[in-house]
Every structure is written in structure tokens, then in C-alpha cells.
Amino acid sequence: MFAQIAAIIIFIALFAIGAVRGVHIGVLMVAGAAGTALLFTEMATDEVVAGFPLSIMVLLVGVTYFFAIAQTNGTVDRIIDGALTRVGSKAALIPVVFFVLTAGIAAMGAPLAGLVMMPVGMQVARRYKVDYALMGLAICFGVGAGGFAPTSLYGIVTYGTAHDAGIGLNPMLLFGFTVLVYLLLLLAAYAMFGRGFFSRRGRASAAHIDVPDLATISGPPANHPFERETALRRGSASTTGIQFGEDEEDQALFDSSHSEDEDAPLPPFTPIQVLTVICMIGLIAAVVAIAAFGLEPNIGLLCFGFAALLTIVDPGTGKNAVGKIDWSTVLLVGGIIMFVGVLETMGAVDLLGEGAKAIGSPIVAALVLCAVGGLVSAFASTTGILAALVPLALPLVADGSLPGWALITALGICSAVVDVSPFSTLGATVVATAPSEHKERLTKLLLRFGLSMVVVGPILLVGGLVVPAMLF
């Protein structure tokens, strides 16, 4: 019992040290897993190393490499630019458009890459007189929704960890439920901050909107001290480098720069961009077709296959994209799962599960677990929480009292919906990109909204998903 409790304390302490000191948690976890195994178990080093999740690494590397090529060759820029220029005068649809675009970017491997839309969204919100809170939440929800796609980090970690634990969680089902939840939250945001759309006509005029060049953006990932997840470099938003024009001169320059381009036609897709779009469609079609035959598609290998084709056609882009593989997240997830493997061998995970089941009601235990995941994630790494809590939920599933796929889905979503808090990268970027006179209001709104999700998320997901799954 002493060794198990000590190992759990070390596990928690490493999370805290990483957040406070700004140290990569994955590095701490690899060292901590080896040290804990040496001190408290008879595990050989080979057994500890074997706990590194190679299947998840293949997924992450393959996905981030394929979409790094798509962003480096300008395909993603071209798709975004084309979508934004078709917004027209329907101001009420602008947050929806940014939700969809951000979700698409976030689905390309690194959820926080979607933050590149935040500075653009805030400028468009000012031009089209959209509430900054509504625009910020729409983009944050897009990051969360796209992040749980089968090709993105949150989804890969959640269903990959569940699959390794023997829980049959369909990645498309996870993605579908996540999109549904975020659409409901977007409707709630419209009800709270979009009432003006129903009392006036949108005053926007069709305009060509300049978007950030994802192929050339460089710099550190979002660097809020409580969130250490990394985005692909060319698609990351640094809250320290964002400038928001606030005076009349800046507004005039913004308006004139767009009016000059209103009638300018978009450049056509280049041949390599056309091929990239075909590969992206082919990837989706392959996943759907393989799943339709009752098989489990290996998305990582599929991405490697399409990436190899693009690399052969355009070797230069393929070479540059190698350096943009998200190795930092591979290390983060791998280190945490290695340590959890040591905890499982020691019986520490079963000890926590017995404590959860001691609550008496499996529904209450699920609510507590989801609430803990949301509360911790509001101040720490969402990816790290997903990698840590999914294995800890297994004892609640082992006796059959709770459906594993439903509980893991609820836990994953509950850990992500709180990320609009200003203590997390998403919320911090909303505040950083807003005009100064709106920062205080946005901070208070996002804090209330984010912390409310600690309670609303578990009630919504456990009551609307876990309980019906138990019944049917």
C-alpha cells in the first residue's frame, strides 16, 4: 500500500513541477517511470520501456507529417481563404464559419494550430460588429471539436489509450459526440452573446479577408504557463506576439486593405495543391470505407502512405515537413503512458479504482471522475490529463457497471470543454487578441463559462451519454 501511494504522489508531483517550472512533462514522466520502477518494483528496464505506446506514436507522427505537408505547400491557406471570401453579408453566420474553419485546422493533427484563426477572427468581429465573446468562443469550440477528430491529437490520445486498454471506442463515434456537444455549446453562446443578430441586419459587406500564411508562420507554440501542449510550428499562435490595432487609423488601414482586394479573384489551386486535396479526400474516404467493412483503419499508416505520395511528387516540401512533426507531443503522451504502465503493474491504478467504486454509485463515481478531469484540465495540459485519466477510469469499467466507450468519451470531452478558461491557452489567446477595453469583460466571462463547464460538462455528458448507454 505504501509503495502504491508513494508512486501516485510522485506522478502528481511531476505534473505540478512541470507546470510550475515550465519543464516538459514528458521528460519528467520518462525519468519518473524508470525511477519509480527501480525503487518500488522488480520491473526490468525493458518492461518499463515497453510501456511506451508505439501505436500512438505512429498515429501522431503519420498524421502530423501528412498535414504538415498540406500546410507547407499552401493547400490549407487556399482552402481557408476561399471559404472566408464567401462569407458575404451574412454577419450572423461568421462565427459558424470560423467554428468550421478552426475545426478543420485543428483536425489536422495539432488542435492548438487552430489558434492561428484567433487574431483573424477578432479583426473580423470588429469589422462585422460581432461580439468578441461569441467569436472567441466559436473559435475555441472549433479547436475542441476538431481536436477529437480521428486525425487529431485529442482523438488519437483518447481512443488510442482506450484501445490499448481493451476498450472498443470507435474514433468516429467519439468525434461525432464531440461535435454535437460543441454545436450545443455554440448555440448557447449565440443565445448569450448573439442576440443582436436577431434584432438587426448584418452590416458586413463582402470582402476578401487576408488570412495568416500557415506555410510561413514560425515561432513558439502558445506559451501560457498553465498549458504546455505544443502546436505545429507553422500553425501556432503565440499570445505574446499578437498585435491588435485599436485606434481609428488602424481601423481605416484594416478597412482599406480589404476594400482594395474585394474584387481580386483568388489564385487557382496549383497542381500540388490539387493533388493534396485529392489525398485529403482519399484519406477520409479510406477511413470510412475500411470502417464500413467492419475493420479498424490504421489512420497513422494511411497518412504515411498519402504523405509518401506527396513527398515523391514534391520532395522539397516533404523534406521541410519532417521538421514540423510534433515530436514534443509524442514525448508528452509517451512519457505519461509509460508512467501509468508502471502504476498499473504496481496495482496503484486498481487502488484508485477501488476508491472510486467505494463511493457506492457508479454514476456518482463517473460524475466525480469527469469533474476532476475538467477541473484539473482548466489549469493544466489537456493532452496530459487525457493520457493520465483514461487508464485510471478502467477499474470503473472492469466490473461492467459502466459502459467503457461512453465513460471514456464523456471523460475526454469533459477534459476539453473547460479550455475556454483564461487560465488555459485557448481562453488566454481570446483575451490577448481582443481590444484592451474588452479584455477585462472577456476575462470575467471566460472564467465563469470555463468553470461552469466543470459542473455542466459532467452533468451533460454523464446524464446524456453514460446513463442512456447503461440503459440501452
Protein backbone atom coordinates (compact mmCIF):
# COMPACT_ATOMS: atom_id res chain seq x y z
CA MET A 1 0.00 0.00 0.00
CA PHE A 2 2.81 2.45 0.88
CA ALA A 3 4.60 1.90 -2.44
CA GLN A 4 1.40 2.41 -4.42
CA ILE A 5 0.51 5.64 -2.65
CA ALA A 6 4.08 6.92 -2.97
CA ALA A 7 4.05 6.21 -6.73
CA ILE A 8 0.76 8.12 -7.15
CA ILE A 9 2.18 11.07 -5.20
CA ILE A 10 5.28 11.09 -7.45
CA PHE A 11 3.03 11.01 -10.53
CA ILE A 12 1.00 14.01 -9.34
CA ALA A 13 4.12 15.88 -8.19
CA LEU A 14 5.72 15.58 -11.63
CA PHE A 15 2.65 17.19 -13.21
CA ALA A 16 2.86 20.06 -10.72
CA ILE A 17 6.61 20.54 -11.19
CA GLY A 18 6.25 20.58 -14.96
CA ALA A 19 3.51 23.24 -14.80
CA VAL A 20 5.26 25.47 -12.28
CA ARG A 21 8.79 25.20 -13.65
CA GLY A 22 7.87 25.07 -17.32
CA VAL A 23 9.64 21.73 -17.79
CA HIS A 24 8.46 19.30 -20.48
CA ILE A 25 6.23 16.87 -18.60
CA GLY A 26 7.08 14.01 -20.95
CA VAL A 27 10.76 14.18 -19.98
CA LEU A 28 9.85 14.14 -16.29
CA MET A 29 7.49 11.22 -16.77
CA VAL A 30 10.03 9.02 -18.58
CA ALA A 31 12.58 9.60 -15.83
CA GLY A 32 9.91 9.24 -13.14
CA ALA A 33 8.65 5.95 -14.59
CA ALA A 34 12.15 4.47 -14.60
CA GLY A 35 12.94 5.76 -11.09
CA THR A 36 9.65 4.57 -9.59
CA ALA A 37 10.02 1.13 -11.15
CA LEU A 38 13.58 0.88 -9.81
CA LEU A 39 12.61 1.94 -6.27
CA PHE A 40 9.30 0.17 -5.73
CA THR A 41 9.11 -2.76 -8.16
CA GLU A 42 11.16 -5.55 -9.65
CA MET A 43 10.39 -4.47 -13.21
CA ALA A 44 13.27 -4.70 -15.66
CA THR A 45 14.14 -1.62 -17.70
CA ASP A 46 12.95 -3.42 -20.84
CA GLU A 47 9.49 -3.75 -19.30
CA VAL A 48 9.40 -0.04 -18.48
CA VAL A 49 10.47 0.97 -21.98
CA ALA A 50 7.92 -1.45 -23.47
CA GLY A 51 5.23 0.73 -21.91
CA PHE A 52 5.95 3.47 -24.46
CA PRO A 53 2.89 3.48 -26.78
CA LEU A 54 4.35 2.78 -30.23
CA SER A 55 0.93 2.56 -31.87
CA ILE A 56 0.01 6.05 -30.68
CA MET A 57 3.43 7.34 -31.79
CA VAL A 58 2.82 6.02 -35.32
CA LEU A 59 -0.57 7.76 -35.33
CA LEU A 60 0.80 11.09 -34.14
CA VAL A 61 3.83 11.12 -36.41
CA GLY A 62 1.93 10.00 -39.50
CA VAL A 63 -0.92 12.45 -39.03
CA THR A 64 1.21 15.48 -38.18
CA TYR A 65 3.59 14.76 -41.07
CA PHE A 66 0.82 14.44 -43.65
CA PHE A 67 -0.92 17.65 -42.60
CA ALA A 68 2.41 19.46 -42.23
CA ILE A 69 2.87 18.87 -45.96
CA ALA A 70 -0.65 20.17 -46.65
CA GLN A 71 0.07 23.37 -44.72
CA THR A 72 3.59 23.84 -46.03
CA ASN A 73 2.55 23.67 -49.69
CA GLY A 74 -0.19 26.26 -49.11
CA THR A 75 -3.22 23.99 -49.57
CA VAL A 76 -4.71 24.85 -46.18
CA ASP A 77 -4.20 28.59 -46.78
CA ARG A 78 -6.01 28.35 -50.11
CA ILE A 79 -8.98 26.48 -48.64
CA ILE A 80 -9.35 28.95 -45.76
CA ASP A 81 -9.03 32.00 -47.98
CA GLY A 82 -11.66 30.64 -50.37
CA ALA A 83 -14.08 29.94 -47.53
CA LEU A 84 -13.70 33.36 -45.89
CA THR A 85 -14.23 35.30 -49.11
CA ARG A 86 -17.62 33.61 -49.48
CA VAL A 87 -18.98 34.78 -46.14
CA GLY A 88 -20.63 37.76 -47.84
CA SER A 89 -23.01 39.96 -45.85
CA LYS A 90 -24.41 37.26 -43.55
CA ALA A 91 -22.80 38.51 -40.35
CA ALA A 92 -24.76 36.06 -38.20
CA LEU A 93 -23.02 33.15 -39.93
CA ILE A 94 -19.49 34.46 -39.38
CA PRO A 95 -18.93 32.72 -36.01
CA VAL A 96 -20.21 29.48 -37.55
CA VAL A 97 -17.80 29.86 -40.46
CA PHE A 98 -14.88 30.41 -38.07
CA PHE A 99 -16.02 27.42 -36.00
CA VAL A 100 -15.92 25.20 -39.08
CA LEU A 101 -12.61 26.56 -40.37
CA THR A 102 -10.94 26.29 -36.97
CA ALA A 103 -12.25 22.75 -36.53
CA GLY A 104 -10.79 21.85 -39.91
CA ILE A 105 -7.35 23.18 -38.96
CA ALA A 106 -7.50 21.55 -35.51
CA ALA A 107 -8.38 18.23 -37.13
CA MET A 108 -5.03 18.29 -38.95
CA GLY A 109 -3.01 16.78 -36.12
CA ALA A 110 -2.47 19.58 -33.60
CA PRO A 111 -5.61 21.14 -32.03
CA LEU A 112 -3.83 24.32 -30.90
CA ALA A 113 -2.87 25.00 -34.52
CA GLY A 114 -6.45 26.25 -34.81
CA LEU A 115 -5.48 29.23 -32.67
CA VAL A 116 -3.99 30.82 -35.79
CA MET A 117 -7.57 31.84 -36.60
CA MET A 118 -7.98 33.86 -33.40
CA PRO A 119 -6.26 37.12 -34.50
CA VAL A 120 -8.11 36.97 -37.82
CA GLY A 121 -11.40 36.24 -36.08
CA MET A 122 -11.09 39.17 -33.70
CA GLN A 123 -10.37 41.59 -36.54
CA VAL A 124 -13.34 40.25 -38.49
CA ALA A 125 -15.51 40.50 -35.37
CA ARG A 126 -14.70 44.21 -35.11
CA ARG A 127 -15.36 44.83 -38.78
CA TYR A 128 -18.67 42.91 -38.82
CA LYS A 129 -19.74 44.04 -35.31
CA VAL A 130 -19.78 40.54 -33.84
CA ASP A 131 -19.49 40.21 -30.07
CA TYR A 132 -15.87 39.35 -29.22
CA ALA A 133 -17.04 36.77 -26.67
CA LEU A 134 -19.11 34.95 -29.30
CA MET A 135 -16.27 34.97 -31.83
CA GLY A 136 -13.70 33.83 -29.25
CA LEU A 137 -15.93 31.01 -28.01
CA ALA A 138 -16.72 29.90 -31.57
CA ILE A 139 -13.01 29.56 -32.35
CA CYS A 140 -12.32 27.80 -29.03
CA PHE A 141 -15.17 25.37 -29.70
CA GLY A 142 -13.76 24.74 -33.18
CA VAL A 143 -10.39 23.84 -31.64
CA GLY A 144 -12.09 21.39 -29.28
CA ALA A 145 -14.35 19.83 -31.91
CA GLY A 146 -11.57 19.37 -34.46
CA GLY A 147 -9.16 18.18 -31.80
CA PHE A 148 -11.20 15.00 -31.27
CA ALA A 149 -11.17 14.05 -34.95
CA PRO A 150 -9.59 10.64 -35.65
CA THR A 151 -6.69 12.52 -37.25
CA SER A 152 -6.01 14.93 -34.37
CA LEU A 153 -4.26 14.84 -31.04
CA TYR A 154 -7.13 14.68 -28.53
CA GLY A 155 -8.90 11.99 -30.52
CA ILE A 156 -5.74 9.97 -31.06
CA VAL A 157 -4.81 10.04 -27.37
CA THR A 158 -8.35 9.22 -26.20
CA TYR A 159 -9.27 6.35 -28.49
CA GLY A 160 -5.66 5.14 -28.76
CA THR A 161 -5.31 4.84 -24.99
CA ALA A 162 -8.75 3.23 -24.71
CA HIS A 163 -7.88 0.75 -27.47
CA ASP A 164 -4.61 -0.20 -25.81
CA ALA A 165 -6.61 -0.86 -22.62
CA GLY A 166 -9.01 -3.16 -24.45
CA ILE A 167 -11.96 -0.74 -24.66
CA GLY A 168 -13.68 -0.69 -28.03
CA LEU A 169 -14.10 3.04 -28.64
CA ASN A 170 -14.96 3.92 -32.25
CA PRO A 171 -12.96 7.06 -33.20
CA MET A 172 -15.75 8.33 -35.48
CA LEU A 173 -18.29 7.88 -32.68
CA LEU A 174 -16.03 9.87 -30.34
CA PHE A 175 -15.69 12.60 -32.95
CA GLY A 176 -19.43 12.69 -33.64
CA PHE A 177 -20.42 13.08 -29.99
CA THR A 178 -17.77 15.78 -29.53
CA VAL A 179 -19.02 17.81 -32.50
CA LEU A 180 -22.58 17.51 -31.21
CA VAL A 181 -21.59 18.79 -27.75
CA TYR A 182 -19.66 21.74 -29.16
CA LEU A 183 -22.53 22.63 -31.50
CA LEU A 184 -24.84 22.74 -28.49
CA LEU A 185 -22.34 24.99 -26.71
CA LEU A 186 -22.14 27.20 -29.81
CA LEU A 187 -25.93 27.55 -29.79
CA ALA A 188 -25.72 28.52 -26.12
CA ALA A 189 -23.05 31.12 -26.97
CA TYR A 190 -25.34 32.54 -29.68
CA ALA A 191 -28.18 32.76 -27.16
CA MET A 192 -25.97 34.63 -24.69
CA PHE A 193 -23.92 36.88 -26.98
CA GLY A 194 -25.58 36.85 -30.41
CA ARG A 195 -28.96 38.37 -29.69
CA GLY A 196 -28.08 41.44 -31.76
CA PHE A 197 -28.17 39.32 -34.93
CA PHE A 198 -31.88 38.80 -34.46
CA SER A 199 -32.67 42.48 -33.96
CA ARG A 200 -30.66 43.97 -36.82
CA ARG A 201 -29.37 43.08 -40.21
CA GLY A 202 -25.74 42.14 -40.59
CA ARG A 203 -23.86 45.25 -41.71
CA ALA A 204 -20.96 43.38 -43.26
CA SER A 205 -20.06 43.69 -46.87
CA ALA A 206 -18.42 41.01 -48.92
CA ALA A 207 -14.67 41.31 -48.65
CA HIS A 208 -11.55 39.41 -49.35
CA ILE A 209 -10.12 38.59 -45.93
CA ASP A 210 -6.39 38.12 -45.58
CA VAL A 211 -5.57 35.03 -43.56
CA PRO A 212 -2.25 34.14 -41.91
CA ASP A 213 0.12 32.25 -44.15
CA LEU A 214 0.29 28.92 -42.37
CA ALA A 215 3.20 27.85 -44.54
CA THR A 216 5.47 30.62 -43.27
CA ILE A 217 4.34 31.31 -39.69
CA SER A 218 7.05 30.41 -37.25
CA GLY A 219 7.62 30.92 -33.60
CA PRO A 220 6.96 29.18 -30.31
CA PRO A 221 3.67 27.48 -29.55
CA ALA A 222 1.12 29.14 -27.31
CA ASN A 223 3.06 29.79 -24.16
CA HIS A 224 0.56 30.30 -21.37
CA PRO A 225 2.30 28.92 -18.27
CA PHE A 226 -0.52 26.55 -17.39
CA GLU A 227 -0.73 24.89 -20.80
CA ARG A 228 2.34 23.11 -22.14
CA GLU A 229 0.85 21.43 -25.19
CA THR A 230 2.54 22.21 -28.48
CA ALA A 231 1.06 23.00 -31.85
CA LEU A 232 2.70 22.51 -35.21
CA ARG A 233 5.02 25.48 -35.57
CA ARG A 234 3.58 26.91 -38.74
CA GLY A 235 0.08 26.85 -37.27
CA SER A 236 0.66 28.04 -33.71
CA ALA A 237 -0.47 31.30 -32.20
CA SER A 238 1.81 32.98 -29.71
CA THR A 239 -0.10 35.20 -27.31
CA THR A 240 2.98 37.35 -26.85
CA GLY A 241 3.32 38.23 -30.49
CA ILE A 242 -0.21 39.31 -31.34
CA GLN A 243 -0.86 42.95 -32.13
CA PHE A 244 -4.41 44.26 -32.30
CA GLY A 245 -4.92 47.68 -33.90
CA GLU A 246 -7.25 49.73 -31.74
CA ASP A 247 -7.32 53.32 -32.94
CA GLU A 248 -9.15 54.87 -35.88
CA GLU A 249 -6.05 54.91 -38.06
CA ASP A 250 -5.58 51.16 -37.63
CA GLN A 251 -9.25 50.59 -38.40
CA ALA A 252 -9.01 52.68 -41.56
CA LEU A 253 -5.94 50.77 -42.69
CA PHE A 254 -7.69 47.48 -41.99
CA ASP A 255 -10.77 48.51 -43.96
CA SER A 256 -8.83 49.97 -46.90
CA SER A 257 -6.55 46.95 -47.19
CA HIS A 258 -9.61 44.76 -47.55
CA SER A 259 -11.54 47.04 -49.88
CA GLU A 260 -8.62 47.01 -52.30
CA ASP A 261 -8.83 43.23 -52.51
CA GLU A 262 -12.62 42.88 -52.64
CA ASP A 263 -12.75 42.29 -56.38
CA ALA A 264 -9.43 40.49 -56.66
CA PRO A 265 -10.02 36.88 -57.70
CA LEU A 266 -8.37 34.14 -55.70
CA PRO A 267 -5.42 32.42 -57.38
CA PRO A 268 -6.20 28.96 -58.75
CA PHE A 269 -5.06 25.82 -56.97
CA THR A 270 -1.60 24.74 -58.06
CA PRO A 271 -1.15 21.14 -59.29
CA ILE A 272 0.45 20.04 -55.99
CA GLN A 273 -2.41 21.65 -54.06
CA VAL A 274 -4.94 19.81 -56.21
CA LEU A 275 -3.12 16.55 -55.51
CA THR A 276 -3.06 17.38 -51.77
CA VAL A 277 -6.82 17.97 -51.74
CA ILE A 278 -7.31 14.65 -53.53
CA CYS A 279 -5.15 12.95 -50.87
CA MET A 280 -7.13 14.57 -48.05
CA ILE A 281 -10.38 13.37 -49.59
CA GLY A 282 -8.80 9.98 -50.19
CA LEU A 283 -7.79 9.73 -46.53
CA ILE A 284 -11.34 10.40 -45.36
CA ALA A 285 -12.79 8.00 -47.93
CA ALA A 286 -10.32 5.26 -46.97
CA VAL A 287 -11.14 5.56 -43.27
CA VAL A 288 -14.89 5.43 -43.96
CA ALA A 289 -14.58 2.52 -46.42
CA ILE A 290 -12.38 0.41 -44.15
CA ALA A 291 -14.69 1.02 -41.19
CA ALA A 292 -17.72 0.14 -43.34
CA PHE A 293 -16.27 -3.34 -43.86
CA GLY A 294 -16.03 -3.84 -40.11
CA LEU A 295 -12.28 -3.37 -40.00
CA GLU A 296 -10.28 -0.91 -37.92
CA PRO A 297 -8.42 1.61 -40.12
CA ASN A 298 -4.87 2.46 -39.10
CA ILE A 299 -5.02 6.20 -39.71
CA GLY A 300 -1.33 6.69 -39.00
CA LEU A 301 -0.26 4.26 -41.72
CA LEU A 302 -2.78 5.72 -44.17
CA CYS A 303 -1.33 9.17 -43.53
CA PHE A 304 2.18 7.86 -44.11
CA GLY A 305 1.03 6.39 -47.43
CA PHE A 306 -0.52 9.62 -48.72
CA ALA A 307 2.40 11.65 -47.34
CA ALA A 308 4.84 9.39 -49.21
CA LEU A 309 2.98 10.07 -52.46
CA LEU A 310 3.11 13.85 -51.91
CA THR A 311 6.78 13.65 -50.95
CA ILE A 312 7.66 11.80 -54.17
CA VAL A 313 5.85 14.42 -56.24
CA ASP A 314 7.25 17.38 -54.28
CA PRO A 315 10.44 16.30 -52.44
CA GLY A 316 11.27 19.80 -51.17
CA THR A 317 8.00 20.24 -49.29
CA GLY A 318 8.22 16.73 -47.89
CA LYS A 319 11.71 17.38 -46.57
CA ASN A 320 10.68 20.63 -44.88
CA ALA A 321 7.61 18.99 -43.32
CA VAL A 322 9.72 16.40 -41.48
CA GLY A 323 10.95 19.10 -39.12
CA LYS A 324 7.36 20.01 -38.31
CA ILE A 325 6.33 16.63 -36.96
CA ASP A 326 5.00 17.15 -33.44
CA TRP A 327 7.70 15.20 -31.61
CA SER A 328 7.08 17.15 -28.41
CA THR A 329 3.57 15.75 -28.07
CA VAL A 330 4.81 12.23 -28.88
CA LEU A 331 7.19 12.55 -25.93
CA LEU A 332 4.49 14.04 -23.69
CA VAL A 333 1.95 11.28 -24.33
CA GLY A 334 4.56 8.52 -24.37
CA GLY A 335 6.08 9.56 -21.06
CA ILE A 336 2.74 9.76 -19.27
CA ILE A 337 1.56 6.40 -20.58
CA MET A 338 4.90 4.83 -19.60
CA PHE A 339 4.42 6.02 -16.02
CA VAL A 340 0.78 4.87 -15.99
CA GLY A 341 2.04 1.45 -17.12
CA VAL A 342 4.30 1.33 -14.05
CA LEU A 343 1.35 2.35 -11.85
CA GLU A 344 -0.77 -0.43 -13.36
CA THR A 345 1.95 -3.02 -12.73
CA MET A 346 2.20 -1.89 -9.11
CA GLY A 347 -1.56 -2.06 -8.63
CA ALA A 348 -1.84 1.67 -7.97
CA VAL A 349 -4.49 2.12 -10.67
CA ASP A 350 -6.61 -0.64 -9.14
CA LEU A 351 -6.22 1.08 -5.77
CA LEU A 352 -7.63 4.31 -7.19
CA GLY A 353 -10.40 2.39 -8.88
CA GLU A 354 -11.38 0.74 -5.64
CA GLY A 355 -11.50 4.17 -4.04
CA ALA A 356 -13.79 5.42 -6.80
CA LYS A 357 -16.07 2.39 -6.52
CA ALA A 358 -16.21 2.89 -2.75
CA ILE A 359 -18.37 5.93 -3.46
CA GLY A 360 -21.15 3.39 -3.96
CA SER A 361 -22.93 4.57 -7.10
CA PRO A 362 -21.14 4.10 -10.45
CA ILE A 363 -22.97 7.14 -11.83
CA VAL A 364 -21.70 9.33 -8.98
CA ALA A 365 -18.21 7.90 -9.47
CA ALA A 366 -18.37 8.79 -13.18
CA LEU A 367 -19.54 12.33 -12.33
CA VAL A 368 -16.68 12.78 -9.87
CA LEU A 369 -14.09 11.46 -12.32
CA CYS A 370 -15.33 13.73 -15.13
CA ALA A 371 -15.45 16.73 -12.81
CA VAL A 372 -11.89 16.09 -11.60
CA GLY A 373 -10.71 15.78 -15.20
CA GLY A 374 -12.37 19.07 -16.12
CA LEU A 375 -11.11 20.95 -13.06
CA VAL A 376 -7.50 19.85 -13.49
CA SER A 377 -7.59 20.40 -17.25
CA ALA A 378 -8.74 24.01 -16.73
CA PHE A 379 -5.30 24.72 -15.28
CA ALA A 380 -3.07 22.07 -16.89
CA SER A 381 -2.36 20.25 -20.14
CA THR A 382 -5.48 18.75 -21.70
CA THR A 383 -3.44 16.15 -23.56
CA GLY A 384 -1.66 15.16 -20.35
CA ILE A 385 -4.94 14.81 -18.46
CA LEU A 386 -6.42 12.65 -21.21
CA ALA A 387 -3.39 10.36 -21.24
CA ALA A 388 -3.46 10.07 -17.44
CA LEU A 389 -7.16 9.80 -16.61
CA VAL A 390 -8.30 7.39 -19.33
CA PRO A 391 -6.32 4.47 -17.80
CA LEU A 392 -7.45 5.49 -14.31
CA ALA A 393 -11.08 5.06 -15.40
CA LEU A 394 -10.56 1.41 -16.31
CA PRO A 395 -11.42 -0.05 -12.87
CA LEU A 396 -14.87 1.54 -13.15
CA VAL A 397 -15.36 -0.30 -16.43
CA ALA A 398 -13.85 -3.65 -15.42
CA ASP A 399 -16.89 -4.92 -13.48
CA GLY A 400 -19.31 -3.96 -16.27
CA SER A 401 -21.20 -1.39 -14.21
CA LEU A 402 -20.35 1.38 -16.68
CA PRO A 403 -20.02 1.16 -20.49
CA GLY A 404 -16.37 1.80 -21.24
CA TRP A 405 -16.77 3.63 -24.56
CA ALA A 406 -19.35 6.03 -23.10
CA LEU A 407 -17.34 6.78 -19.96
CA ILE A 408 -14.12 7.41 -21.89
CA THR A 409 -15.96 9.64 -24.38
CA ALA A 410 -17.53 11.64 -21.54
CA LEU A 411 -14.21 11.93 -19.73
CA GLY A 412 -12.41 13.13 -22.85
CA ILE A 413 -14.97 15.80 -23.71
CA CYS A 414 -15.26 16.99 -20.10
CA SER A 415 -11.50 17.49 -20.01
CA ALA A 416 -11.63 19.69 -23.12
CA VAL A 417 -14.75 21.87 -22.75
CA VAL A 418 -13.18 23.76 -19.85
CA ASP A 419 -10.35 25.05 -22.05
CA VAL A 420 -12.12 28.35 -22.67
CA SER A 421 -10.95 29.36 -19.18
CA PRO A 422 -8.47 32.29 -19.29
CA PHE A 423 -6.09 30.02 -17.35
CA SER A 424 -5.76 27.80 -20.42
CA THR A 425 -4.17 28.57 -23.78
CA LEU A 426 -7.49 28.94 -25.63
CA GLY A 427 -9.01 31.43 -23.21
CA ALA A 428 -5.73 33.27 -22.77
CA THR A 429 -5.47 33.77 -26.54
CA VAL A 430 -9.03 35.12 -26.74
CA VAL A 431 -8.16 37.78 -24.16
CA ALA A 432 -4.77 38.51 -25.72
CA THR A 433 -6.20 39.19 -29.17
CA ALA A 434 -9.13 41.36 -28.06
CA PRO A 435 -9.02 45.17 -27.83
CA SER A 436 -7.80 46.41 -24.46
CA GLU A 437 -11.16 47.88 -23.43
CA HIS A 438 -12.76 44.42 -23.78
CA LYS A 439 -10.08 42.34 -22.04
CA GLU A 440 -11.48 42.68 -18.50
CA ARG A 441 -15.01 41.75 -19.62
CA LEU A 442 -13.76 38.76 -21.63
CA THR A 443 -11.62 37.53 -18.74
CA LYS A 444 -14.62 37.51 -16.39
CA LEU A 445 -16.93 35.91 -18.96
CA LEU A 446 -14.48 33.19 -19.93
CA LEU A 447 -13.64 32.43 -16.31
CA ARG A 448 -17.31 31.97 -15.45
CA PHE A 449 -18.02 30.00 -18.61
CA GLY A 450 -14.96 27.76 -18.24
CA LEU A 451 -15.51 26.96 -14.57
CA SER A 452 -19.21 26.37 -15.16
CA MET A 453 -18.18 23.65 -17.60
CA VAL A 454 -16.55 21.78 -14.69
CA VAL A 455 -20.12 21.16 -13.46
CA VAL A 456 -22.18 21.41 -16.66
CA GLY A 457 -19.87 19.13 -18.67
CA PRO A 458 -20.13 16.07 -16.40
CA ILE A 459 -23.89 16.51 -15.93
CA LEU A 460 -24.44 16.87 -19.68
CA LEU A 461 -22.15 14.00 -20.71
CA VAL A 462 -22.88 11.53 -17.93
CA GLY A 463 -26.61 12.26 -17.99
CA GLY A 464 -26.90 12.44 -21.76
CA LEU A 465 -24.45 9.69 -22.77
CA VAL A 466 -23.31 7.38 -19.99
CA VAL A 467 -26.73 6.82 -18.41
CA PRO A 468 -28.53 6.08 -21.73
CA ALA A 469 -25.66 3.77 -22.72
CA MET A 470 -26.15 1.86 -19.46
CA LEU A 471 -29.87 1.52 -20.13
CA PHE A 472 -29.71 0.54 -23.77
